[in-house]
């Protein structure tokens, strides 16, 4: 199961994107969020 598919984060993403509005988009919110989650999953399940 892919964590990102079951994580209920859509409302959070929409809220953060709305707050950013027309600000700089050097680091897209969804990409950064996905990277953070991937890092947590990697650290949690590495052996």
N, C-alpha and C. Protein backbone atom coordinates (compact mmCIF):
# COMPACT_ATOMS: atom_id res chain seq x y z
N UNK A 1 0.85 -1.18 0.00
CA UNK A 1 0.00 0.00 0.00
C UNK A 1 0.89 1.24 0.00
N UNK A 2 0.57 2.16 -0.84
CA UNK A 2 1.34 3.40 -0.90
C UNK A 2 0.76 4.40 0.10
N UNK A 3 1.61 4.89 0.97
CA UNK A 3 1.19 5.78 2.05
C UNK A 3 0.48 7.01 1.51
N UNK A 4 1.01 7.59 0.45
CA UNK A 4 0.44 8.84 -0.08
C UNK A 4 -0.99 8.66 -0.60
N UNK A 5 -1.34 7.43 -0.98
CA UNK A 5 -2.70 7.19 -1.48
C UNK A 5 -3.73 7.13 -0.35
N UNK A 6 -3.31 6.79 0.85
CA UNK A 6 -4.27 6.63 1.96
C UNK A 6 -4.18 7.76 2.98
N UNK A 7 -3.21 8.63 2.84
CA UNK A 7 -3.05 9.73 3.78
C UNK A 7 -4.11 10.80 3.51
N UNK A 8 -4.92 11.15 4.51
CA UNK A 8 -5.98 12.16 4.30
C UNK A 8 -5.42 13.58 4.37
N UNK A 9 -4.69 13.98 3.34
CA UNK A 9 -4.01 15.27 3.39
C UNK A 9 -4.50 16.28 2.36
N UNK A 10 -5.54 15.96 1.64
CA UNK A 10 -6.01 16.85 0.57
C UNK A 10 -6.43 18.22 1.10
N UNK A 11 -7.14 18.24 2.20
CA UNK A 11 -7.58 19.52 2.77
C UNK A 11 -6.38 20.36 3.20
N UNK A 12 -5.38 19.71 3.80
CA UNK A 12 -4.16 20.42 4.19
C UNK A 12 -3.47 21.01 2.97
N UNK A 13 -3.35 20.23 1.90
CA UNK A 13 -2.68 20.72 0.69
C UNK A 13 -3.43 21.90 0.10
N UNK A 14 -4.74 21.81 0.04
CA UNK A 14 -5.54 22.92 -0.51
C UNK A 14 -5.39 24.19 0.32
N UNK A 15 -5.39 24.01 1.65
CA UNK A 15 -5.24 25.16 2.54
C UNK A 15 -3.89 25.83 2.36
N UNK A 16 -2.83 25.03 2.32
CA UNK A 16 -1.49 25.58 2.15
C UNK A 16 -1.33 26.26 0.78
N UNK A 17 -1.87 25.64 -0.25
CA UNK A 17 -1.79 26.24 -1.59
C UNK A 17 -2.59 27.54 -1.66
N UNK A 18 -3.71 27.58 -0.97
CA UNK A 18 -4.53 28.79 -0.95
C UNK A 18 -3.81 29.91 -0.21
N UNK A 19 -3.14 29.57 0.89
CA UNK A 19 -2.40 30.58 1.65
C UNK A 19 -1.23 31.13 0.85
N UNK A 20 -0.62 30.30 0.05
CA UNK A 20 0.53 30.75 -0.75
C UNK A 20 0.07 31.67 -1.88
N UNK A 21 -1.08 31.39 -2.44
CA UNK A 21 -1.66 32.13 -3.56
C UNK A 21 -0.66 32.34 -4.68
N UNK A 22 -0.27 33.58 -4.89
CA UNK A 22 0.63 33.92 -5.98
C UNK A 22 2.07 34.10 -5.51
N UNK A 23 2.39 33.53 -4.36
CA UNK A 23 3.76 33.65 -3.86
C UNK A 23 4.71 32.82 -4.70
N UNK A 24 5.95 32.85 -4.31
CA UNK A 24 6.98 32.08 -5.03
C UNK A 24 6.65 30.60 -4.98
N UNK A 25 6.93 29.93 -6.08
CA UNK A 25 6.64 28.51 -6.17
C UNK A 25 7.91 27.73 -6.50
N UNK A 26 9.02 28.15 -5.90
CA UNK A 26 10.29 27.46 -6.12
C UNK A 26 10.20 26.01 -5.66
N UNK A 27 9.47 25.81 -4.60
CA UNK A 27 9.28 24.48 -4.04
C UNK A 27 7.77 24.23 -3.93
N UNK A 28 7.18 23.55 -4.91
CA UNK A 28 5.74 23.30 -4.86
C UNK A 28 5.35 22.55 -3.58
N UNK A 29 4.27 22.96 -2.99
CA UNK A 29 3.83 22.43 -1.70
C UNK A 29 3.66 20.91 -1.74
N UNK A 30 3.00 20.41 -2.76
CA UNK A 30 2.76 18.96 -2.82
C UNK A 30 4.06 18.17 -2.96
N UNK A 31 4.98 18.68 -3.72
CA UNK A 31 6.25 17.98 -3.89
C UNK A 31 7.04 17.95 -2.59
N UNK A 32 7.07 19.05 -1.89
CA UNK A 32 7.77 19.11 -0.61
C UNK A 32 7.09 18.18 0.39
N UNK A 33 5.78 18.22 0.45
CA UNK A 33 5.03 17.36 1.37
C UNK A 33 5.30 15.88 1.07
N UNK A 34 5.26 15.51 -0.19
CA UNK A 34 5.53 14.12 -0.56
C UNK A 34 6.94 13.71 -0.17
N UNK A 35 7.89 14.61 -0.30
CA UNK A 35 9.27 14.32 0.09
C UNK A 35 9.40 14.12 1.60
N UNK A 36 8.70 14.95 2.35
CA UNK A 36 8.72 14.81 3.82
C UNK A 36 8.15 13.46 4.23
N UNK A 37 7.00 13.09 3.66
CA UNK A 37 6.37 11.81 4.00
C UNK A 37 7.27 10.65 3.59
N UNK A 38 7.87 10.73 2.40
CA UNK A 38 8.77 9.67 1.95
C UNK A 38 9.95 9.51 2.90
N UNK A 39 10.49 10.61 3.37
CA UNK A 39 11.60 10.55 4.33
C UNK A 39 11.20 9.89 5.63
N UNK A 40 10.01 10.21 6.13
CA UNK A 40 9.52 9.59 7.36
C UNK A 40 9.33 8.10 7.16
N UNK A 41 8.71 7.71 6.07
CA UNK A 41 8.47 6.29 5.78
C UNK A 41 9.81 5.56 5.65
N UNK A 42 10.74 6.16 4.95
CA UNK A 42 12.05 5.53 4.76
C UNK A 42 12.74 5.32 6.11
N UNK A 43 12.75 6.34 6.95
CA UNK A 43 13.41 6.23 8.25
C UNK A 43 12.71 5.22 9.16
N UNK A 44 11.40 5.12 9.02
CA UNK A 44 10.63 4.22 9.86
C UNK A 44 10.83 2.76 9.47
N UNK A 45 10.92 2.48 8.18
CA UNK A 45 10.92 1.09 7.73
C UNK A 45 12.26 0.58 7.23
N UNK A 46 13.32 1.36 7.38
CA UNK A 46 14.62 0.85 6.94
C UNK A 46 15.12 -0.19 7.94
N UNK A 47 15.86 -1.10 7.46
CA UNK A 47 16.35 -2.17 8.33
C UNK A 47 17.84 -2.17 8.40
